[in-house]
Every structure is written in C-alpha cells, then in structure tokens.
C-alpha cells in the first residue's frame, strides 16, 4: 500500500495550530551558527508521545555555488520524560507569553546571540512568540521569563551548539 494515513502530531513539520495532538511544543532555535534546530514534543490520547529534533544545516561554501543544505531528523525524549517536560512547560505559562519587546534586547553586530521562536498548543489553544538571548556568547541576562525558557530547552535537550559533521 503506497499511502500512509496518519493523524498529525509532532511527527511531521506542519503548523502546530493544525496539529491533532492534545499538547504540542515546538522550539525553533538558532545559536548564531549555520544550524537551525527545531525541537517538537507532542502528546495525544490517540497517538501517544512523540519527540523529534530536526537539524537544518545551511552549507553553501562550495566553489560551484551549489546548495548543500542538509536535514537530519532524530527521535528524542526530554531528559525529564514527556510528562515531566509537559509539566515544566505548563509551569512557564507559555500560552500567555508575548514576543520580546525590542528595547529588552539589543544585540551587538559583532557578538553571537540566539534566536528562539516558540509555538505551543494545549487543548486547542495556540500561542507563538519569539525572543533573543545572548547565549552562546556572553552571560548578559535578558528578561527572566525568556531565560527560564532557554534554560528549559538547554536542560531537556542537550545538543551540541557547534557539532562536528
């Protein structure tokens, strides 16, 4: 049978707002490198728990100017388990969070900084917001609420900031 019938949870990179999952968390993360990471955690009564890490490695440094972008997707489990992660995400009140105010973060052009775009869906309610931090460069603080989200992602999904190929 050449067709795959599935309910959409975190298995595919579709909009979180269209997910059939009861809970879905997605973090788009860039640490001032050529690698964008997309972490997706979902929970559904029908399909259970799912965790995916997608790494998009932009690499156009060839003489022929061909696009050598690569994609790697792996299954992941949060360090504290799926239920533990969902409880921690709930405690941060991500469904109520807003985009970072421009005055709250002014990156220097010569220093690395990180960009986060967070999407969350719980019981039909959806939210999306974005913020920047100084990680992995300096340890200058940003607003506490954003540091807590950054810390959650760093602790639960320990991936190399600058991985080898």
Protein backbone atom coordinates (compact mmCIF):
# COMPACT_ATOMS: atom_id res chain seq x y z
CA UNK A 1 0.00 0.00 0.00
CA UNK A 2 1.71 3.22 -1.10
CA UNK A 3 -0.35 5.51 1.17
CA UNK A 4 0.28 6.42 4.76
CA UNK A 5 -2.75 7.51 6.75
CA UNK A 6 -1.88 9.30 9.95
CA UNK A 7 -3.22 11.82 12.35
CA UNK A 8 -0.89 14.77 12.52
CA UNK A 9 1.01 15.09 15.77
CA UNK A 10 4.64 16.11 16.20
CA UNK A 11 5.83 13.52 13.67
CA UNK A 12 5.73 15.99 10.78
CA UNK A 13 6.74 19.60 10.38
CA UNK A 14 3.27 21.04 9.87
CA UNK A 15 1.92 24.09 11.70
CA UNK A 16 1.35 23.47 15.40
CA UNK A 17 -2.05 25.13 15.10
CA UNK A 18 -3.16 22.33 12.75
CA UNK A 19 -1.91 19.51 14.98
CA UNK A 20 -4.27 16.78 16.15
CA UNK A 21 -2.26 16.48 19.37
CA UNK A 22 -3.67 17.49 22.72
CA UNK A 23 -0.32 19.10 23.58
CA UNK A 24 2.41 20.23 21.20
CA UNK A 25 5.52 22.28 21.89
CA UNK A 26 7.86 23.42 19.14
CA UNK A 27 11.01 25.49 19.55
CA UNK A 28 12.85 26.86 16.52
CA UNK A 29 16.36 27.63 17.78
CA UNK A 30 19.42 29.24 16.21
CA UNK A 31 22.61 29.89 18.21
CA UNK A 32 24.29 32.20 15.66
CA UNK A 33 25.53 29.22 13.68
CA UNK A 34 24.64 27.76 10.30
CA UNK A 35 22.44 25.17 12.04
CA UNK A 36 18.79 25.75 12.79
CA UNK A 37 17.23 23.30 15.23
CA UNK A 38 13.56 22.51 15.54
CA UNK A 39 12.51 20.61 18.67
CA UNK A 40 8.98 19.20 18.69
CA UNK A 41 7.32 17.42 21.61
CA UNK A 42 3.73 16.24 21.36
CA UNK A 43 1.22 14.23 23.32
CA UNK A 44 -2.02 12.77 22.06
CA UNK A 45 -4.60 10.40 23.52
CA UNK A 46 -4.71 8.52 20.22
CA UNK A 47 -1.03 8.55 19.20
CA UNK A 48 0.84 8.81 22.49
CA UNK A 49 4.04 10.82 22.94
CA UNK A 50 6.39 11.92 20.16
CA UNK A 51 9.66 13.85 20.21
CA UNK A 52 11.65 15.00 17.18
CA UNK A 53 14.78 17.06 16.66
CA UNK A 54 15.27 18.42 13.15
CA UNK A 55 18.65 19.96 12.34
CA UNK A 56 18.84 22.09 9.22
CA UNK A 57 22.48 22.71 8.33
CA UNK A 58 22.95 25.53 5.83
CA UNK A 59 26.19 24.99 3.96
CA UNK A 60 26.74 26.85 0.69
CA UNK A 61 30.50 27.18 0.92
CA UNK A 62 31.28 25.34 -2.32
CA UNK A 63 33.03 26.69 -5.37
CA UNK A 64 30.21 25.59 -7.67
CA UNK A 65 27.75 27.56 -5.54
CA UNK A 66 25.51 24.53 -5.16
CA UNK A 67 23.22 24.40 -2.19
CA UNK A 68 24.48 21.76 0.23
CA UNK A 69 21.84 22.26 2.89
CA UNK A 70 21.33 19.05 4.84
CA UNK A 71 18.50 17.89 7.08
CA UNK A 72 18.77 15.44 9.93
CA UNK A 73 15.80 14.33 11.98
CA UNK A 74 16.07 12.12 15.05
CA UNK A 75 13.69 10.89 17.71
CA UNK A 76 14.26 12.48 21.10
CA UNK A 77 12.95 12.12 24.62
CA UNK A 78 13.15 15.07 27.02
CA UNK A 79 15.60 14.47 29.88
CA UNK A 80 12.75 14.57 32.44
CA UNK A 81 10.47 12.41 30.27
CA UNK A 82 7.49 13.53 28.25
CA UNK A 83 5.13 14.06 31.18
CA UNK A 84 7.82 15.86 33.18
CA UNK A 85 8.59 18.15 30.25
CA UNK A 86 4.92 18.97 29.71
CA UNK A 87 4.57 19.85 33.41
CA UNK A 88 7.63 22.14 33.22
CA UNK A 89 6.35 23.82 30.04
CA UNK A 90 2.95 24.35 31.70
CA UNK A 91 4.63 25.96 34.72
CA UNK A 92 6.18 28.60 32.41
CA UNK A 93 2.72 29.72 31.21
CA UNK A 94 3.83 29.67 27.56
CA UNK A 95 0.27 30.05 26.29
CA UNK A 96 0.25 33.57 27.75
CA UNK A 97 3.73 34.67 26.62
CA UNK A 98 4.31 37.50 24.12
CA UNK A 99 7.10 38.48 21.74
CA UNK A 100 10.14 40.11 23.29
CA UNK A 101 9.96 43.90 23.31
CA UNK A 102 12.66 45.44 21.09
CA UNK A 103 14.08 47.54 23.94
CA UNK A 104 14.54 44.39 26.02
CA UNK A 105 17.35 43.08 23.81
CA UNK A 106 19.84 44.98 21.68
CA UNK A 107 22.41 42.58 20.19
CA UNK A 108 25.81 43.85 19.14
CA UNK A 109 26.51 43.08 15.50
CA UNK A 110 29.90 41.55 16.34
CA UNK A 111 28.64 39.21 19.09
CA UNK A 112 26.71 35.97 18.74
CA UNK A 113 23.18 35.74 20.07
CA UNK A 114 20.43 33.18 19.92
CA UNK A 115 17.00 33.37 18.34
CA UNK A 116 14.05 31.35 19.64
CA UNK A 117 10.60 31.01 18.12
CA UNK A 118 8.27 29.07 20.39
CA UNK A 119 4.98 27.53 19.32
CA UNK A 120 2.68 25.78 21.76
CA UNK A 121 -0.73 24.18 21.59
CA UNK A 122 -2.65 22.78 24.53
CA UNK A 123 -6.26 21.64 24.41
CA UNK A 124 -6.98 23.70 21.28
CA UNK A 125 -5.39 26.94 22.49
CA UNK A 126 -2.36 28.06 20.45
CA UNK A 127 0.37 30.64 21.01
CA UNK A 128 3.52 31.65 19.15
CA UNK A 129 6.20 34.12 20.24
CA UNK A 130 9.84 34.96 19.62
CA UNK A 131 12.76 36.20 21.67
CA UNK A 132 16.53 36.60 21.58
CA UNK A 133 19.15 35.90 24.24
CA UNK A 134 22.88 36.41 24.45
CA UNK A 135 23.58 32.66 24.55
CA UNK A 136 26.07 31.27 23.48
CA UNK A 137 28.12 34.47 23.67
CA UNK A 138 28.22 36.44 26.86
CA UNK A 139 26.34 35.73 30.05
CA UNK A 140 24.47 39.05 29.99
CA UNK A 141 20.97 38.43 31.28
CA UNK A 142 17.78 39.00 29.36
CA UNK A 143 14.33 39.09 30.87
CA UNK A 144 13.90 36.31 33.41
CA UNK A 145 10.91 34.73 31.66
CA UNK A 146 12.97 34.19 28.49
CA UNK A 147 15.95 32.87 30.42
CA UNK A 148 13.69 30.24 32.02
CA UNK A 149 12.52 29.07 28.59
CA UNK A 150 16.10 28.99 27.29
CA UNK A 151 17.17 27.02 30.37
CA UNK A 152 14.32 24.52 29.90
CA UNK A 153 15.38 23.81 26.31
CA UNK A 154 19.09 23.60 27.20
CA UNK A 155 18.49 21.21 30.11
CA UNK A 156 15.93 18.97 28.43
CA UNK A 157 17.59 18.69 25.01
CA UNK A 158 21.34 18.73 25.37
CA UNK A 159 22.57 19.07 21.81
CA UNK A 160 25.97 20.39 20.81
CA UNK A 161 25.93 24.08 19.99
CA UNK A 162 28.76 23.63 17.47
CA UNK A 163 28.60 19.94 16.45
CA UNK A 164 31.10 18.23 14.20
CA UNK A 165 29.85 16.94 10.89
